[in-house]
Amino acid sequence: MALALIVGAAPIATAQIEPEPPLPIAPVPGSTTPLTPPQGATQNLGDPAHAYDPGTGQTYFWDPDKNSWVDGKTGEPAQSPTPRDLFLRRQLMAIEKDIDAAIANCDKRLFDASIRALIVLSNSARSRVSITRHAADAQVYSNEELEASAAHLESDLALIEQVLANERSRFPAKCGKKAETPPSTTGGNRQEPPKQTGMIVPRSGAGCAGVYAELNAARSDPAGYARTLSAGPGTAATREAVAFLESQAPEPPLTADARLEAAAARHAADQGPAGLTGHVGTDGSTVRDRVQSAGVYSMIVAEDISVGQDTAGGIVRQLIIDEGSPTRMHRADVFNPLFKFAGAAGGPNKVYHSMCVLDLSGTVMPR
C-alpha cells in the first residue's frame, strides 16, 4: 500500500480544508425558512437574497422561480463545491491577489513567481490527466470511475489554463523594463537548482536505504525499468505500469537533500510507532510545514509513503505500480519533471511492519 499527497499543484482528494465557522442564516424572499447558501458562501444579511464566497470570489443569488440558489454569473442552479474544488479556487485566488499586488507595486519578481506558480499547477494537472487517461485506456479499474476522475482533472486544467492565459501578460510596461517573457509551460527557461549543501547517502536502517538510486534508475531509463517489472507478478496493475514505462520519456535524476530527509524522518518517527500512514502529523503538521521547518521553500512539494516493503526495489515498485490508486498519484510524483530534490527516511511501523516516507520538492527558493 502506498499513500500520496502533493501540495502546490492541482489539489487531490486527500487535501483538507479547514472547516468554516457556522454562519448566521436569514430567510430569503419567498421563503419563511432560513436556507443555507452554498458551502463557503456568506449570506448578505442586509439583502438575504444574495450570498458571496470571499475565498473564491463566487457570487450567488436566490431565484424564487427555481426555488434555489443560483450562480451569479451563469444563472444555473448553484452546486456546493467539493473540498477539492474549494482548495483549487482558493489557490488560484491567492495567486491572483499576489499578481494584483505585484502590478500595483511594479514588483516584477513577485509577478514572475506568481506566473511560475500557475505553470506548476498547470503542468501537474496535465500530468495527472495523462496518467488517468492512460489507466482508463488500459481498463485497470472501472472506466466510469476513471472517466469521472479524468473529467474532473480536465476541468481543473481548463480553469488553471484560463487563469494563466488571462494573467501572464498583465504586467504593465509603465513599470520600467519591458516585462520578460514568462517561463514556458512546456518546461523551457526553468530555473537551475541552487548548489546543495549537506548531500547525503541513505543511512543503513533508515527504512529506505537505496531508494534514491532505485528512483533514479526508473526516472533515467523507464523502458529498462519496465523490463524489471515484467519479471514480477503479472497483475493487471503491473501490466499497465509496464505499458506506461515503455512510453514514458526519461527524466533527470533527483538530487538527495538532507533537509528533505530530515522532514521525512520526522514524519516516519511520528507515524510509525502508532501504526499510522497519513500525511498530517499528530501535531497537525502538513508536508509543507515539515519541509519548511527543515529549511526547504519550494512552490511545489509532495509526500509519498510506502509501507510493508523492506527493499529499495520493493518500495519503488510499489509506488510505480500504484495498486489501489486509480489516478496513479504516486507514479505521477515519481516521474514528475518538476521535482528536483528528494529526501527519504523510514523505519518500523506498528501495523505495516515497515514504512518509507519520501518527500519531494521542486526548485528550492532562497530565503
Protein backbone atom coordinates (compact mmCIF):
# COMPACT_ATOMS: atom_id res chain seq x y z
CA MET A 1 0.00 0.00 0.00
CA ALA A 2 1.24 3.48 -0.82
CA LEU A 3 -0.16 6.88 0.06
CA ALA A 4 0.48 10.22 -1.61
CA LEU A 5 -0.04 13.92 -1.04
CA ILE A 6 1.00 16.72 -3.36
CA VAL A 7 0.94 20.35 -2.35
CA GLY A 8 1.24 23.39 -4.55
CA ALA A 9 -0.17 21.62 -7.56
CA ALA A 10 -3.55 20.51 -8.67
CA PRO A 11 -5.44 19.55 -5.49
CA ILE A 12 -6.25 15.92 -4.77
CA ALA A 13 -8.80 14.06 -2.67
CA THR A 14 -6.63 13.98 0.46
CA ALA A 15 -6.26 17.77 0.57
CA GLN A 16 -8.02 19.11 3.66
CA ILE A 17 -9.85 22.40 4.01
CA GLU A 18 -10.25 23.88 7.45
CA PRO A 19 -13.97 23.86 8.38
CA GLU A 20 -15.66 27.24 8.21
CA PRO A 21 -17.29 28.53 11.43
CA PRO A 22 -21.10 28.48 11.45
CA LEU A 23 -22.61 31.49 9.70
CA PRO A 24 -25.92 33.21 10.52
CA ILE A 25 -28.68 32.29 8.08
CA ALA A 26 -31.68 34.52 7.29
CA PRO A 27 -34.90 33.75 5.40
CA VAL A 28 -34.75 34.62 1.70
CA PRO A 29 -37.62 36.34 -0.15
CA GLY A 30 -40.44 33.92 -0.89
CA SER A 31 -39.38 31.57 1.89
CA THR A 32 -40.24 31.61 5.56
CA THR A 33 -37.44 29.18 6.40
CA PRO A 34 -33.76 30.13 6.64
CA LEU A 35 -31.95 28.42 3.75
CA THR A 36 -28.23 27.74 3.85
CA PRO A 37 -26.29 29.24 0.91
CA PRO A 38 -23.73 27.09 -0.95
CA GLN A 39 -20.75 25.90 1.08
CA GLY A 40 -18.25 28.63 1.87
CA ALA A 41 -20.61 31.47 0.97
CA THR A 42 -21.73 34.13 3.44
CA GLN A 43 -25.31 35.36 3.16
CA ASN A 44 -25.76 39.12 2.95
CA LEU A 45 -28.00 39.69 5.99
CA GLY A 46 -28.93 43.15 4.69
CA ASP A 47 -30.02 41.57 1.40
CA PRO A 48 -30.55 37.86 2.16
CA ALA A 49 -31.28 37.00 -1.48
CA HIS A 50 -27.55 37.39 -2.19
CA ALA A 51 -24.50 35.47 -0.95
CA TYR A 52 -20.77 35.76 -1.54
CA ASP A 53 -17.83 33.40 -1.05
CA PRO A 54 -14.85 35.58 -0.03
CA GLY A 55 -12.47 32.66 -0.53
CA THR A 56 -13.24 32.17 -4.22
CA GLY A 57 -14.93 35.42 -5.26
CA GLN A 58 -18.06 33.48 -6.28
CA THR A 59 -21.46 35.23 -6.01
CA TYR A 60 -24.89 33.62 -5.67
CA PHE A 61 -28.46 34.87 -5.57
CA TRP A 62 -31.79 33.30 -4.64
CA ASP A 63 -34.10 32.54 -7.58
CA PRO A 64 -37.68 32.09 -6.28
CA ASP A 65 -38.81 30.61 -9.61
CA LYS A 66 -36.23 27.84 -9.34
CA ASN A 67 -36.59 27.76 -5.55
CA SER A 68 -32.82 27.52 -5.21
CA TRP A 69 -29.58 29.45 -5.05
CA VAL A 70 -28.11 30.09 -8.50
CA ASP A 71 -24.68 31.00 -9.79
CA GLY A 72 -24.33 34.79 -10.01
CA LYS A 73 -22.54 34.54 -13.38
CA THR A 74 -24.41 31.77 -15.21
CA GLY A 75 -27.83 31.79 -13.54
CA GLU A 76 -27.60 28.00 -13.28
CA PRO A 77 -28.55 26.22 -10.03
CA ALA A 78 -25.63 26.51 -7.63
CA GLN A 79 -23.72 23.41 -6.66
CA SER A 80 -21.84 23.41 -3.39
CA PRO A 81 -18.19 22.95 -4.35
CA THR A 82 -16.31 19.92 -3.10
CA PRO A 83 -13.32 20.41 -0.76
CA ARG A 84 -11.10 19.71 -3.79
CA ASP A 85 -12.82 22.48 -5.79
CA LEU A 86 -12.58 24.92 -2.91
CA PHE A 87 -8.89 24.17 -2.45
CA LEU A 88 -8.08 24.85 -6.11
CA ARG A 89 -10.20 28.01 -6.30
CA ARG A 90 -8.57 29.41 -3.19
CA GLN A 91 -5.11 28.59 -4.53
CA LEU A 92 -5.91 30.45 -7.75
CA MET A 93 -7.45 33.39 -5.92
CA ALA A 94 -4.36 33.69 -3.68
CA ILE A 95 -2.10 33.71 -6.74
CA GLU A 96 -4.28 36.32 -8.45
CA LYS A 97 -4.06 38.52 -5.35
CA ASP A 98 -0.26 38.24 -5.48
CA ILE A 99 -0.35 39.25 -9.15
CA ASP A 100 -2.54 42.26 -8.34
CA ALA A 101 -0.09 43.27 -5.61
CA ALA A 102 2.86 42.82 -7.98
CA ILE A 103 1.24 45.06 -10.58
CA ALA A 104 0.31 47.70 -8.01
CA ASN A 105 3.91 47.81 -6.70
CA CYS A 106 5.69 47.19 -10.03
CA ASP A 107 7.21 44.07 -8.44
CA LYS A 108 8.43 42.01 -11.40
CA ARG A 109 9.96 39.34 -9.19
CA LEU A 110 6.65 38.65 -7.42
CA PHE A 111 4.79 38.71 -10.75
CA ASP A 112 7.15 36.14 -12.32
CA ALA A 113 6.99 33.93 -9.22
CA SER A 114 3.18 34.01 -9.37
CA ILE A 115 3.18 33.06 -13.06
CA ARG A 116 5.55 30.19 -12.29
CA ALA A 117 3.16 29.01 -9.58
CA LEU A 118 0.34 28.90 -12.17
CA ILE A 119 2.59 26.95 -14.54
CA VAL A 120 3.37 24.45 -11.77
CA LEU A 121 -0.35 23.92 -11.23
CA SER A 122 -0.94 23.57 -14.97
CA ASN A 123 1.86 21.06 -15.55
CA SER A 124 0.85 18.95 -12.57
CA ALA A 125 -2.80 18.88 -13.67
CA ARG A 126 -1.78 17.95 -17.22
CA SER A 127 0.40 15.09 -15.90
CA ARG A 128 -2.45 13.73 -13.80
CA VAL A 129 -4.88 13.89 -16.73
CA SER A 130 -2.43 11.93 -18.88
CA ILE A 131 -1.87 9.23 -16.28
CA THR A 132 -5.59 8.87 -15.53
CA ARG A 133 -6.45 8.63 -19.23
CA HIS A 134 -3.71 6.00 -19.65
CA ALA A 135 -5.19 3.94 -16.81
CA ALA A 136 -8.66 4.26 -18.36
CA ASP A 137 -7.37 3.04 -21.74
CA ALA A 138 -5.72 0.07 -20.05
CA GLN A 139 -9.05 -0.70 -18.28
CA VAL A 140 -7.31 -1.36 -14.97
CA TYR A 141 -10.25 -0.01 -12.97
CA SER A 142 -13.88 0.78 -13.65
CA ASN A 143 -13.99 3.04 -16.68
CA GLU A 144 -16.86 5.03 -15.17
CA GLU A 145 -14.77 5.86 -12.11
CA LEU A 146 -11.71 6.76 -14.17
CA GLU A 147 -13.68 8.76 -16.73
CA ALA A 148 -15.27 10.79 -13.93
CA SER A 149 -11.87 11.41 -12.34
CA ALA A 150 -10.31 12.36 -15.69
CA ALA A 151 -13.19 14.72 -16.49
CA HIS A 152 -12.75 16.45 -13.13
CA LEU A 153 -9.00 16.77 -13.68
CA GLU A 154 -9.55 18.17 -17.17
CA SER A 155 -11.96 20.72 -15.71
CA ASP A 156 -9.26 21.72 -13.21
CA LEU A 157 -6.72 22.04 -16.01
CA ALA A 158 -9.05 24.18 -18.14
CA LEU A 159 -9.65 26.54 -15.22
CA ILE A 160 -5.93 26.87 -14.48
CA GLU A 161 -5.10 27.45 -18.15
CA GLN A 162 -7.79 30.13 -18.38
CA VAL A 163 -6.37 31.99 -15.38
CA LEU A 164 -2.82 31.63 -16.74
CA ALA A 165 -3.83 32.99 -20.15
CA ASN A 166 -5.57 35.96 -18.52
CA GLU A 167 -2.75 36.83 -16.12
CA ARG A 168 0.57 36.20 -17.82
CA SER A 169 0.60 39.37 -19.95
CA ARG A 170 -0.81 41.78 -17.36
CA PHE A 171 2.47 43.25 -16.05
CA PRO A 172 2.42 46.88 -17.28
CA ALA A 173 5.16 48.34 -19.47
CA LYS A 174 4.96 51.57 -17.44
CA CYS A 175 6.77 49.81 -14.60
CA GLY A 176 10.04 50.32 -16.43
CA LYS A 177 11.93 47.50 -18.04
CA LYS A 178 9.80 45.62 -20.52
CA ALA A 179 8.36 42.52 -18.93
CA GLU A 180 10.33 39.41 -19.71
CA THR A 181 8.52 36.52 -21.32
CA PRO A 182 7.11 34.33 -18.54
CA PRO A 183 8.53 30.81 -18.34
CA SER A 184 7.29 28.31 -20.94
CA THR A 185 4.55 25.90 -19.91
CA THR A 186 6.42 23.18 -21.78
CA GLY A 187 9.34 23.32 -19.40
CA GLY A 188 11.67 25.86 -21.07
CA ASN A 189 13.53 28.55 -19.16
CA ARG A 190 13.50 26.55 -15.95
CA GLN A 191 15.49 27.96 -13.09
CA GLU A 192 18.52 25.87 -12.24
CA PRO A 193 18.54 24.45 -8.69
CA PRO A 194 20.98 26.09 -6.30
CA LYS A 195 24.02 24.16 -5.17
CA GLN A 196 23.14 21.95 -2.25
CA THR A 197 24.99 21.58 0.98
CA GLY A 198 24.64 18.54 3.15
CA MET A 199 24.36 15.98 0.33
CA ILE A 200 23.53 12.63 1.85
CA VAL A 201 23.91 8.92 1.49
CA PRO A 202 20.91 6.99 2.85
CA ARG A 203 21.58 5.72 6.35
CA SER A 204 21.55 2.00 6.96
CA GLY A 205 18.49 1.09 8.98
CA ALA A 206 16.68 4.27 7.90
CA GLY A 207 13.99 2.10 6.30
CA CYS A 208 14.69 3.47 2.81
CA ALA A 209 18.34 2.56 2.08
CA GLY A 210 19.00 2.55 -1.66
CA VAL A 211 15.78 4.31 -2.61
CA TYR A 212 17.50 7.27 -4.32
CA ALA A 213 19.43 5.02 -6.71
CA GLU A 214 16.30 2.97 -7.43
CA LEU A 215 14.18 6.06 -8.10
CA ASN A 216 16.77 7.50 -10.43
CA ALA A 217 17.15 4.19 -12.26
CA ALA A 218 13.42 4.32 -13.03
CA ARG A 219 13.44 8.01 -13.98
CA SER A 220 16.51 7.85 -16.21
CA ASP A 221 15.59 4.60 -18.02
CA PRO A 222 11.83 3.93 -17.80
CA ALA A 223 11.93 1.35 -20.60
CA GLY A 224 14.71 -0.54 -18.85
CA TYR A 225 12.78 -0.44 -15.57
CA ALA A 226 9.75 -1.82 -17.42
CA ARG A 227 11.74 -4.99 -18.05
CA THR A 228 12.38 -5.24 -14.30
CA LEU A 229 8.66 -5.02 -13.59
CA SER A 230 7.87 -7.55 -16.31
CA ALA A 231 9.84 -10.15 -14.37
CA GLY A 232 7.50 -9.82 -11.38
CA PRO A 233 3.93 -11.00 -10.79
CA GLY A 234 1.78 -10.33 -13.85
CA THR A 235 -1.13 -8.48 -12.26
CA ALA A 236 -3.33 -6.12 -14.29
CA ALA A 237 -1.82 -3.12 -12.49
CA THR A 238 1.71 -4.35 -13.22
CA ARG A 239 0.95 -4.80 -16.91
CA GLU A 240 -0.50 -1.29 -17.03
CA ALA A 241 2.62 0.09 -15.30
CA VAL A 242 4.87 -1.70 -17.79
CA ALA A 243 2.94 -0.16 -20.70
CA PHE A 244 3.29 3.26 -19.09
CA LEU A 245 7.03 2.89 -18.56
CA GLU A 246 7.60 1.76 -22.14
CA SER A 247 6.12 5.04 -23.40
CA GLN A 248 7.49 7.33 -20.66
CA ALA A 249 10.30 9.74 -21.59
CA PRO A 250 13.39 9.75 -19.32
CA GLU A 251 13.57 12.43 -16.64
CA PRO A 252 16.63 13.98 -14.93
CA PRO A 253 17.73 12.28 -11.71
CA LEU A 254 16.53 13.52 -8.34
CA THR A 255 19.14 15.06 -6.04
CA ALA A 256 19.23 13.81 -2.46
CA ASP A 257 18.71 16.61 0.06
CA ALA A 258 19.48 16.30 3.76
CA ARG A 259 16.75 18.76 4.74
CA LEU A 260 14.04 16.80 2.96
CA GLU A 261 15.35 13.62 4.55
CA ALA A 262 15.07 15.28 7.96
CA ALA A 263 11.44 16.18 7.24
CA ALA A 264 10.72 12.61 6.10
CA ALA A 265 12.44 11.16 9.18
CA ARG A 266 10.38 13.42 11.45
CA HIS A 267 7.15 12.15 9.89
CA ALA A 268 8.19 8.48 9.91
CA ALA A 269 9.10 8.74 13.59
CA ASP A 270 5.71 10.34 14.27
CA GLN A 271 3.56 7.87 12.31
CA GLY A 272 5.38 4.54 12.72
CA PRO A 273 5.00 3.85 16.46
CA ALA A 274 1.21 4.35 16.24
CA GLY A 275 0.83 2.37 13.01
CA LEU A 276 -0.34 5.46 11.13
CA THR A 277 0.20 6.25 7.43
CA GLY A 278 -1.38 9.69 6.99
CA HIS A 279 0.13 12.91 5.70
CA VAL A 280 -0.97 15.09 8.62
CA GLY A 281 1.25 14.64 11.66
CA THR A 282 -0.09 14.02 15.14
CA ASP A 283 0.90 17.62 15.87
CA GLY A 284 -1.26 18.83 12.96
CA SER A 285 1.71 19.49 10.66
CA THR A 286 1.39 19.16 6.87
CA VAL A 287 4.15 18.11 4.49
CA ARG A 288 4.74 21.78 3.61
CA ASP A 289 5.03 22.63 7.32
CA ARG A 290 7.60 19.90 7.82
CA VAL A 291 9.80 20.66 4.81
CA GLN A 292 9.76 24.38 5.54
CA SER A 293 10.70 23.71 9.18
CA ALA A 294 13.66 21.78 7.77
CA GLY A 295 14.63 24.78 5.61
CA VAL A 296 13.18 23.90 2.18
CA TYR A 297 10.99 26.51 0.48
CA SER A 298 9.58 25.46 -2.90
CA MET A 299 6.44 26.21 -4.89
CA ILE A 300 5.70 22.51 -5.19
CA VAL A 301 6.25 19.74 -2.65
CA ALA A 302 4.86 16.24 -2.32
CA GLU A 303 4.97 13.31 0.02
CA ASP A 304 4.61 9.60 -0.77
CA ILE A 305 4.53 6.80 1.79
CA SER A 306 5.32 3.17 1.07
CA VAL A 307 4.54 0.54 3.69
CA GLY A 308 5.31 -3.13 4.16
CA GLN A 309 8.41 -3.15 1.92
CA ASP A 310 11.93 -3.98 3.12
CA THR A 311 13.97 -3.25 -0.01
CA ALA A 312 14.51 -0.21 -2.20
CA GLY A 313 13.24 -2.16 -5.20
CA GLY A 314 10.07 -3.14 -3.36
CA ILE A 315 9.43 0.46 -2.26
CA VAL A 316 9.87 1.98 -5.72
CA ARG A 317 7.96 -0.80 -7.49
CA GLN A 318 5.07 -0.26 -5.09
CA LEU A 319 5.00 3.46 -5.89
CA ILE A 320 5.18 2.91 -9.66
CA ILE A 321 2.67 0.06 -9.94
CA ASP A 322 0.45 2.04 -7.55
CA GLU A 323 -2.04 -0.76 -6.97
CA GLY A 324 -5.26 0.58 -5.46
CA SER A 325 -4.86 4.17 -6.70
CA PRO A 326 -6.99 4.71 -9.84
CA THR A 327 -5.29 8.03 -10.64
CA ARG A 328 -1.77 6.64 -10.07
CA MET A 329 -0.79 9.66 -7.97
CA HIS A 330 2.39 8.06 -6.59
CA ARG A 331 3.62 7.18 -10.06
CA ALA A 332 2.88 10.74 -11.20
CA ASP A 333 5.11 12.04 -8.41
CA VAL A 334 7.96 9.66 -9.29
CA PHE A 335 8.03 10.85 -12.91
CA ASN A 336 7.01 14.48 -12.40
CA PRO A 337 9.70 16.58 -14.15
CA LEU A 338 9.05 19.49 -11.78
CA PHE A 339 10.51 17.57 -8.85
CA LYS A 340 14.26 18.11 -8.49
CA PHE A 341 15.10 17.04 -4.93
CA ALA A 342 14.20 14.10 -2.70
CA GLY A 343 14.57 13.01 0.89
CA ALA A 344 13.66 9.52 2.10
CA ALA A 345 13.62 8.08 5.60
CA GLY A 346 11.61 5.49 7.45
CA GLY A 347 11.66 2.66 9.92
CA PRO A 348 9.27 0.28 11.66
CA ASN A 349 5.51 0.71 11.55
CA LYS A 350 3.37 -0.85 14.27
CA VAL A 351 0.71 -2.06 11.82
CA TYR A 352 2.51 -2.47 8.49
CA HIS A 353 5.91 -3.70 9.78
CA SER A 354 7.89 -1.03 7.93
CA MET A 355 7.41 2.30 6.20
CA CYS A 356 9.36 4.68 3.98
CA VAL A 357 8.43 8.36 3.71
CA LEU A 358 9.56 10.12 0.52
CA ASP A 359 9.46 13.92 0.44
CA LEU A 360 9.93 15.67 -2.92
CA SER A 361 10.38 19.31 -3.92
CA GLY A 362 10.84 21.44 -6.98
CA THR A 363 13.40 24.21 -7.33
CA VAL A 364 14.37 25.47 -3.88
CA MET A 365 13.85 29.19 -3.43
CA PRO A 366 16.32 31.26 -1.42
CA ARG A 367 15.03 32.77 1.82
